[in-house]
Amino acid sequence: MLATPSELNLDEIRKTIREQPGIHDVHHMHLWPVSESDLHFEGHITVEDQLLSQVSLLRGQIEIVLLDKFDINHTTLQF
């Protein structure tokens, strides 16, 4: 079974996501490697009441931050 890579900390990922404007919380997080260069993340995100178009922009911002800071190249986010 694949597990969270030991060099990554889910608490740090949670903190990074929660620092984004409009995010209330992130929970039910999973992180696993599919290969040496393919890292997947999924999480449930709670946000302020806002338009779907704003949530779509927020999703893109989270994906960029996760790629830049943690090298996570595949995300599944549920809002």
PDB file of N, CA and C in Angstrom:
ATOM      1  N   MET A   1       0.837  -1.184   0.000  1.00  0.00           N
ATOM      2  CA  MET A   1       0.000   0.000   0.000  1.00  0.00           C
ATOM      3  C   MET A   1       0.882   1.248   0.000  1.00  0.00           C
ATOM      4  N   LEU A   2       0.491   2.239  -0.778  1.00  0.00           N
ATOM      5  CA  LEU A   2       1.245   3.479  -0.857  1.00  0.00           C
ATOM      6  C   LEU A   2       0.878   4.386   0.308  1.00  0.00           C
ATOM      7  N   ALA A   3       1.868   5.077   0.847  1.00  0.00           N
ATOM      8  CA  ALA A   3       1.656   5.940   2.006  1.00  0.00           C
ATOM      9  C   ALA A   3       2.169   7.343   1.716  1.00  0.00           C
ATOM     10  N   THR A   4       1.795   8.267   2.594  1.00  0.00           N
ATOM     11  CA  THR A   4       2.294   9.630   2.490  1.00  0.00           C
ATOM     12  C   THR A   4       3.814   9.620   2.541  1.00  0.00           C
ATOM     13  N   PRO A   5       4.470  10.276   1.596  1.00  0.00           N
ATOM     14  CA  PRO A   5       5.934  10.335   1.638  1.00  0.00           C
ATOM     15  C   PRO A   5       6.411  10.938   2.960  1.00  0.00           C
ATOM     16  N   SER A   6       7.419  10.334   3.557  1.00  0.00           N
ATOM     17  CA  SER A   6       7.870  10.746   4.890  1.00  0.00           C
ATOM     18  C   SER A   6       8.404  12.173   4.923  1.00  0.00           C
ATOM     19  N   GLU A   7       8.891  12.689   3.797  1.00  0.00           N
ATOM     20  CA  GLU A   7       9.433  14.045   3.787  1.00  0.00           C
ATOM     21  C   GLU A   7       8.349  15.124   3.714  1.00  0.00           C
ATOM     22  N   LEU A   8       7.095  14.719   3.511  1.00  0.00           N
ATOM     23  CA  LEU A   8       5.991  15.673   3.457  1.00  0.00           C
ATOM     24  C   LEU A   8       5.144  15.559   4.717  1.00  0.00           C
ATOM     25  N   ASN A   9       4.649  16.701   5.172  1.00  0.00           N
ATOM     26  CA  ASN A   9       3.884  16.769   6.403  1.00  0.00           C
ATOM     27  C   ASN A   9       2.477  17.278   6.080  1.00  0.00           C
ATOM     28  N   LEU A  10       1.466  16.466   6.356  1.00  0.00           N
ATOM     29  CA  LEU A  10       0.091  16.868   6.060  1.00  0.00           C
ATOM     30  C   LEU A  10      -0.321  18.116   6.836  1.00  0.00           C
ATOM     31  N   ASP A  11       0.200  18.293   8.044  1.00  0.00           N
ATOM     32  CA  ASP A  11      -0.125  19.503   8.810  1.00  0.00           C
ATOM     33  C   ASP A  11       0.399  20.750   8.105  1.00  0.00           C
ATOM     34  N   GLU A  12       1.570  20.658   7.510  1.00  0.00           N
ATOM     35  CA  GLU A  12       2.136  21.789   6.767  1.00  0.00           C
ATOM     36  C   GLU A  12       1.322  22.058   5.499  1.00  0.00           C
ATOM     37  N   ILE A  13       0.864  21.005   4.835  1.00  0.00           N
ATOM     38  CA  ILE A  13       0.017  21.168   3.650  1.00  0.00           C
ATOM     39  C   ILE A  13      -1.300  21.817   4.053  1.00  0.00           C
ATOM     40  N   ARG A  14      -1.908  21.355   5.143  1.00  0.00           N
ATOM     41  CA  ARG A  14      -3.159  21.940   5.652  1.00  0.00           C
ATOM     42  C   ARG A  14      -2.956  23.431   5.942  1.00  0.00           C
ATOM     43  N   LYS A  15      -1.876  23.765   6.627  1.00  0.00           N
ATOM     44  CA  LYS A  15      -1.581  25.160   6.975  1.00  0.00           C
ATOM     45  C   LYS A  15      -1.439  26.010   5.711  1.00  0.00           C
ATOM     46  N   THR A  16      -0.738  25.500   4.727  1.00  0.00           N
ATOM     47  CA  THR A  16      -0.527  26.229   3.475  1.00  0.00           C
ATOM     48  C   THR A  16      -1.848  26.485   2.757  1.00  0.00           C
ATOM     49  N   ILE A  17      -2.714  25.482   2.706  1.00  0.00           N
ATOM     50  CA  ILE A  17      -4.015  25.656   2.050  1.00  0.00           C
ATOM     51  C   ILE A  17      -4.863  26.660   2.823  1.00  0.00           C
ATOM     52  N   ARG A  18      -4.875  26.561   4.151  1.00  0.00           N
ATOM     53  CA  ARG A  18      -5.691  27.464   4.969  1.00  0.00           C
ATOM     54  C   ARG A  18      -5.216  28.910   4.896  1.00  0.00           C
ATOM     55  N   GLU A  19      -3.984  29.142   4.487  1.00  0.00           N
ATOM     56  CA  GLU A  19      -3.463  30.506   4.334  1.00  0.00           C
ATOM     57  C   GLU A  19      -4.042  31.216   3.114  1.00  0.00           C
ATOM     58  N   GLN A  20      -4.670  30.464   2.215  1.00  0.00           N
ATOM     59  CA  GLN A  20      -5.247  31.069   1.019  1.00  0.00           C
ATOM     60  C   GLN A  20      -6.502  31.856   1.408  1.00  0.00           C
ATOM     61  N   PRO A  21      -6.688  33.063   0.844  1.00  0.00           N
ATOM     62  CA  PRO A  21      -7.870  33.872   1.172  1.00  0.00           C
ATOM     63  C   PRO A  21      -9.164  33.125   0.852  1.00  0.00           C
ATOM     64  N   GLY A  22     -10.116  33.179   1.772  1.00  0.00           N
ATOM     65  CA  GLY A  22     -11.420  32.567   1.556  1.00  0.00           C
ATOM     66  C   GLY A  22     -11.544  31.137   2.032  1.00  0.00           C
ATOM     67  N   ILE A  23     -10.453  30.522   2.476  1.00  0.00           N
ATOM     68  CA  ILE A  23     -10.485  29.135   2.950  1.00  0.00           C
ATOM     69  C   ILE A  23     -10.790  29.114   4.443  1.00  0.00           C
ATOM     70  N   HIS A  24     -11.783  28.316   4.827  1.00  0.00           N
ATOM     71  CA  HIS A  24     -12.080  28.125   6.248  1.00  0.00           C
ATOM     72  C   HIS A  24     -11.325  26.931   6.810  1.00  0.00           C
ATOM     73  N   ASP A  25     -11.346  25.821   6.089  1.00  0.00           N
ATOM     74  CA  ASP A  25     -10.722  24.606   6.612  1.00  0.00           C
ATOM     75  C   ASP A  25     -10.446  23.637   5.468  1.00  0.00           C
ATOM     76  N   VAL A  26      -9.582  22.688   5.752  1.00  0.00           N
ATOM     77  CA  VAL A  26      -9.333  21.560   4.853  1.00  0.00           C
ATOM     78  C   VAL A  26      -9.253  20.319   5.734  1.00  0.00           C
ATOM     79  N   HIS A  27      -9.927  19.269   5.313  1.00  0.00           N
ATOM     80  CA  HIS A  27      -9.957  18.035   6.096  1.00  0.00           C
ATOM     81  C   HIS A  27     -10.055  16.845   5.140  1.00  0.00           C
ATOM     82  N   HIS A  28     -10.090  15.666   5.700  1.00  0.00           N
ATOM     83  CA  HIS A  28     -10.167  14.415   4.929  1.00  0.00           C
ATOM     84  C   HIS A  28      -9.113  14.429   3.815  1.00  0.00           C
ATOM     85  N   MET A  29      -7.872  14.665   4.222  1.00  0.00           N
ATOM     86  CA  MET A  29      -6.768  14.786   3.271  1.00  0.00           C
ATOM     87  C   MET A  29      -6.068  13.449   3.082  1.00  0.00           C
ATOM     88  N   HIS A  30      -5.690  13.200   1.839  1.00  0.00           N
ATOM     89  CA  HIS A  30      -4.909  12.010   1.497  1.00  0.00           C
ATOM     90  C   HIS A  30      -3.805  12.433   0.531  1.00  0.00           C
ATOM     91  N   LEU A  31      -2.628  11.876   0.724  1.00  0.00           N
ATOM     92  CA  LEU A  31      -1.481  12.175  -0.121  1.00  0.00           C
ATOM     93  C   LEU A  31      -0.747  10.876  -0.387  1.00  0.00           C
ATOM     94  N   TRP A  32      -0.491  10.574  -1.663  1.00  0.00           N
ATOM     95  CA  TRP A  32       0.194   9.324  -1.972  1.00  0.00           C
ATOM     96  C   TRP A  32       0.965   9.441  -3.287  1.00  0.00           C
ATOM     97  N   PRO A  33       2.091   8.748  -3.361  1.00  0.00           N
ATOM     98  CA  PRO A  33       2.858   8.724  -4.610  1.00  0.00           C
ATOM     99  C   PRO A  33       2.296   7.655  -5.545  1.00  0.00           C
ATOM    100  N   VAL A  34       2.227   7.979  -6.820  1.00  0.00           N
ATOM    101  CA  VAL A  34       1.828   6.997  -7.824  1.00  0.00           C
ATOM    102  C   VAL A  34       3.078   6.455  -8.509  1.00  0.00           C
ATOM    103  N   SER A  35       4.079   7.316  -8.609  1.00  0.00           N
ATOM    104  CA  SER A  35       5.395   6.937  -9.127  1.00  0.00           C
ATOM    105  C   SER A  35       6.404   7.908  -8.519  1.00  0.00           C
ATOM    106  N   GLU A  36       7.653   7.798  -8.910  1.00  0.00           N
ATOM    107  CA  GLU A  36       8.675   8.697  -8.365  1.00  0.00           C
ATOM    108  C   GLU A  36       8.414  10.159  -8.713  1.00  0.00           C
ATOM    109  N   SER A  37       7.731  10.400  -9.815  1.00  0.00           N
ATOM    110  CA  SER A  37       7.501  11.779 -10.252  1.00  0.00           C
ATOM    111  C   SER A  37       6.028  12.179 -10.250  1.00  0.00           C
ATOM    112  N   ASP A  38       5.168  11.361  -9.678  1.00  0.00           N
ATOM    113  CA  ASP A  38       3.729  11.615  -9.717  1.00  0.00           C
ATOM    114  C   ASP A  38       3.159  11.518  -8.307  1.00  0.00           C
ATOM    115  N   LEU A  39       2.812  12.678  -7.732  1.00  0.00           N
ATOM    116  CA  LEU A  39       2.315  12.750  -6.364  1.00  0.00           C
ATOM    117  C   LEU A  39       0.881  13.268  -6.383  1.00  0.00           C
ATOM    118  N   HIS A  40      -0.031  12.512  -5.773  1.00  0.00           N
ATOM    119  CA  HIS A  40      -1.453  12.847  -5.775  1.00  0.00           C
ATOM    120  C   HIS A  40      -1.901  13.318  -4.395  1.00  0.00           C
ATOM    121  N   PHE A  41      -2.835  14.283  -4.389  1.00  0.00           N
ATOM    122  CA  PHE A  41      -3.420  14.808  -3.156  1.00  0.00           C
ATOM    123  C   PHE A  41      -4.917  14.947  -3.356  1.00  0.00           C
ATOM    124  N   GLU A  42      -5.675  14.604  -2.309  1.00  0.00           N
ATOM    125  CA  GLU A  42      -7.101  14.907  -2.320  1.00  0.00           C
ATOM    126  C   GLU A  42      -7.480  15.455  -0.960  1.00  0.00           C
ATOM    127  N   GLY A  43      -8.464  16.347  -0.966  1.00  0.00           N
ATOM    128  CA  GLY A  43      -8.909  16.937   0.283  1.00  0.00           C
ATOM    129  C   GLY A  43     -10.258  17.611   0.126  1.00  0.00           C
ATOM    130  N   HIS A  44     -10.950  17.734   1.245  1.00  0.00           N
ATOM    131  CA  HIS A  44     -12.225  18.445   1.298  1.00  0.00           C
ATOM    132  C   HIS A  44     -11.939  19.852   1.816  1.00  0.00           C
ATOM    133  N   ILE A  45     -12.406  20.857   1.092  1.00  0.00           N
ATOM    134  CA  ILE A  45     -12.134  22.253   1.400  1.00  0.00           C
ATOM    135  C   ILE A  45     -13.447  22.947   1.754  1.00  0.00           C
ATOM    136  N   THR A  46     -13.464  23.689   2.875  1.00  0.00           N
ATOM    137  CA  THR A  46     -14.620  24.531   3.184  1.00  0.00           C
ATOM    138  C   THR A  46     -14.206  25.984   2.974  1.00  0.00           C
ATOM    139  N   VAL A  47     -15.103  26.744   2.330  1.00  0.00           N
ATOM    140  CA  VAL A  47     -14.802  28.123   1.952  1.00  0.00           C
ATOM    141  C   VAL A  47     -15.921  29.047   2.415  1.00  0.00           C
ATOM    142  N   GLU A  48     -15.631  30.346   2.354  1.00  0.00           N
ATOM    143  CA  GLU A  48     -16.660  31.347   2.578  1.00  0.00           C
ATOM    144  C   GLU A  48     -17.714  31.203   1.487  1.00  0.00           C
ATOM    145  N   ASP A  49     -18.914  31.694   1.764  1.00  0.00           N
ATOM    146  CA  ASP A  49     -19.976  31.695   0.767  1.00  0.00           C
ATOM    147  C   ASP A  49     -19.551  32.612  -0.381  1.00  0.00           C
ATOM    148  N   GLN A  50     -19.422  32.043  -1.587  1.00  0.00           N
ATOM    149  CA  GLN A  50     -18.971  32.821  -2.736  1.00  0.00           C
ATOM    150  C   GLN A  50     -19.455  32.191  -4.035  1.00  0.00           C
ATOM    151  N   LEU A  51     -19.315  32.926  -5.124  1.00  0.00           N
ATOM    152  CA  LEU A  51     -19.731  32.443  -6.435  1.00  0.00           C
ATOM    153  C   LEU A  51     -18.882  31.254  -6.872  1.00  0.00           C
ATOM    154  N   LEU A  52     -19.473  30.385  -7.675  1.00  0.00           N
ATOM    155  CA  LEU A  52     -18.731  29.235  -8.196  1.00  0.00           C
ATOM    156  C   LEU A  52     -17.509  29.664  -8.993  1.00  0.00           C
ATOM    157  N   SER A  53     -17.614  30.757  -9.724  1.00  0.00           N
ATOM    158  CA  SER A  53     -16.464  31.226 -10.501  1.00  0.00           C
ATOM    159  C   SER A  53     -15.303  31.596  -9.581  1.00  0.00           C
ATOM    160  N   GLN A  54     -15.597  32.123  -8.406  1.00  0.00           N
ATOM    161  CA  GLN A  54     -14.542  32.455  -7.447  1.00  0.00           C
ATOM    162  C   GLN A  54     -13.923  31.185  -6.871  1.00  0.00           C
ATOM    163  N   VAL A  55     -14.749  30.176  -6.623  1.00  0.00           N
ATOM    164  CA  VAL A  55     -14.242  28.901  -6.112  1.00  0.00           C
ATOM    165  C   VAL A  55     -13.335  28.252  -7.154  1.00  0.00           C
ATOM    166  N   SER A  56     -13.691  28.378  -8.423  1.00  0.00           N
ATOM    167  CA  SER A  56     -12.858  27.824  -9.492  1.00  0.00           C
ATOM    168  C   SER A  56     -11.483  28.496  -9.513  1.00  0.00           C
ATOM    169  N   LEU A  57     -11.445  29.804  -9.328  1.00  0.00           N
ATOM    170  CA  LEU A  57     -10.164  30.514  -9.254  1.00  0.00           C
ATOM    171  C   LEU A  57      -9.369  30.070  -8.032  1.00  0.00           C
ATOM    172  N   LEU A  58     -10.062  29.893  -6.917  1.00  0.00           N
ATOM    173  CA  LEU A  58      -9.418  29.447  -5.690  1.00  0.00           C
ATOM    174  C   LEU A  58      -8.821  28.057  -5.867  1.00  0.00           C
ATOM    175  N   ARG A  59      -9.542  27.178  -6.550  1.00  0.00           N
ATOM    176  CA  ARG A  59      -9.033  25.832  -6.839  1.00  0.00           C
ATOM    177  C   ARG A  59      -7.713  25.923  -7.610  1.00  0.00           C
ATOM    178  N   GLY A  60      -7.684  26.766  -8.619  1.00  0.00           N
ATOM    179  CA  GLY A  60      -6.463  26.944  -9.402  1.00  0.00           C
ATOM    180  C   GLY A  60      -5.308  27.465  -8.567  1.00  0.00           C
ATOM    181  N   GLN A  61      -5.593  28.407  -7.664  1.00  0.00           N
ATOM    182  CA  GLN A  61      -4.553  28.949  -6.786  1.00  0.00           C
ATOM    183  C   GLN A  61      -3.995  27.866  -5.869  1.00  0.00           C
ATOM    184  N   ILE A  62      -4.872  27.042  -5.315  1.00  0.00           N
ATOM    185  CA  ILE A  62      -4.434  25.956  -4.429  1.00  0.00           C
ATOM    186  C   ILE A  62      -3.561  24.977  -5.207  1.00  0.00           C
ATOM    187  N   GLU A  63      -3.978  24.617  -6.409  1.00  0.00           N
ATOM    188  CA  GLU A  63      -3.197  23.679  -7.224  1.00  0.00           C
ATOM    189  C   GLU A  63      -1.799  24.225  -7.512  1.00  0.00           C
ATOM    190  N   ILE A  64      -1.697  25.521  -7.814  1.00  0.00           N
ATOM    191  CA  ILE A  64      -0.391  26.132  -8.086  1.00  0.00           C
ATOM    192  C   ILE A  64       0.489  26.099  -6.844  1.00  0.00           C
ATOM    193  N   VAL A  65      -0.071  26.454  -5.691  1.00  0.00           N
ATOM    194  CA  VAL A  65       0.695  26.463  -4.439  1.00  0.00           C
ATOM    195  C   VAL A  65       1.175  25.056  -4.097  1.00  0.00           C
ATOM    196  N   LEU A  66       0.304  24.057  -4.248  1.00  0.00           N
ATOM    197  CA  LEU A  66       0.696  22.680  -3.922  1.00  0.00           C
ATOM    198  C   LEU A  66       1.800  22.182  -4.851  1.00  0.00           C
ATOM    199  N   LEU A  67       1.736  22.563  -6.111  1.00  0.00           N
ATOM    200  CA  LEU A  67       2.787  22.168  -7.053  1.00  0.00           C
ATOM    201  C   LEU A  67       4.102  22.881  -6.729  1.00  0.00           C
ATOM    202  N   ASP A  68       4.031  24.189  -6.527  1.00  0.00           N
ATOM    203  CA  ASP A  68       5.250  24.972  -6.280  1.00  0.00           C
ATOM    204  C   ASP A  68       5.926  24.614  -4.964  1.00  0.00           C
ATOM    205  N   LYS A  69       5.143  24.449  -3.908  1.00  0.00           N
ATOM    206  CA  LYS A  69       5.725  24.261  -2.575  1.00  0.00           C
ATOM    207  C   LYS A  69       6.009  22.796  -2.235  1.00  0.00           C
ATOM    208  N   PHE A  70       5.147  21.875  -2.725  1.00  0.00           N
ATOM    209  CA  PHE A  70       5.260  20.475  -2.310  1.00  0.00           C
ATOM    210  C   PHE A  70       5.484  19.503  -3.465  1.00  0.00           C
ATOM    211  N   ASP A  71       5.518  19.995  -4.692  1.00  0.00           N
ATOM    212  CA  ASP A  71       5.696  19.151  -5.876  1.00  0.00           C
ATOM    213  C   ASP A  71       4.528  18.180  -6.080  1.00  0.00           C
ATOM    214  N   ILE A  72       3.349  18.569  -5.609  1.00  0.00           N
ATOM    215  CA  ILE A  72       2.138  17.759  -5.804  1.00  0.00           C
ATOM    216  C   ILE A  72       1.582  18.121  -7.178  1.00  0.00           C
ATOM    217  N   ASN A  73       1.561  17.146  -8.083  1.00  0.00           N
ATOM    218  CA  ASN A  73       1.190  17.448  -9.466  1.00  0.00           C
ATOM    219  C   ASN A  73      -0.189  16.939  -9.876  1.00  0.00           C
ATOM    220  N   HIS A  74      -0.924  16.348  -8.953  1.00  0.00           N
ATOM    221  CA  HIS A  74      -2.298  15.926  -9.253  1.00  0.00           C
ATOM    222  C   HIS A  74      -3.142  16.165  -8.011  1.00  0.00           C
ATOM    223  N   THR A  75      -4.179  16.990  -8.145  1.00  0.00           N
ATOM    224  CA  THR A  75      -5.037  17.280  -6.996  1.00  0.00           C
ATOM    225  C   THR A  75      -6.490  16.983  -7.315  1.00  0.00           C
ATOM    226  N   THR A  76      -7.188  16.494  -6.308  1.00  0.00           N
ATOM    227  CA  THR A  76      -8.633  16.346  -6.352  1.00  0.00           C
ATOM    228  C   THR A  76      -9.161  17.084  -5.134  1.00  0.00           C
ATOM    229  N   LEU A  77      -9.867  18.187  -5.384  1.00  0.00           N
ATOM    230  CA  LEU A  77     -10.376  19.019  -4.304  1.00  0.00           C
ATOM    231  C   LEU A  77     -11.893  19.029  -4.341  1.00  0.00           C
ATOM    232  N   GLN A  78     -12.500  18.777  -3.204  1.00  0.00           N
ATOM    233  CA  GLN A  78     -13.956  18.826  -3.088  1.00  0.00           C
ATOM    234  C   GLN A  78     -14.314  20.027  -2.231  1.00  0.00           C
ATOM    235  N   PHE A  79     -15.210  20.885  -2.744  1.00  0.00           N
ATOM    236  CA  PHE A  79     -15.636  22.080  -2.019  1.00  0.00           C
ATOM    237  C   PHE A  79     -17.044  21.904  -1.511  1.00  0.00           C
TER     238      PHE A  79
END
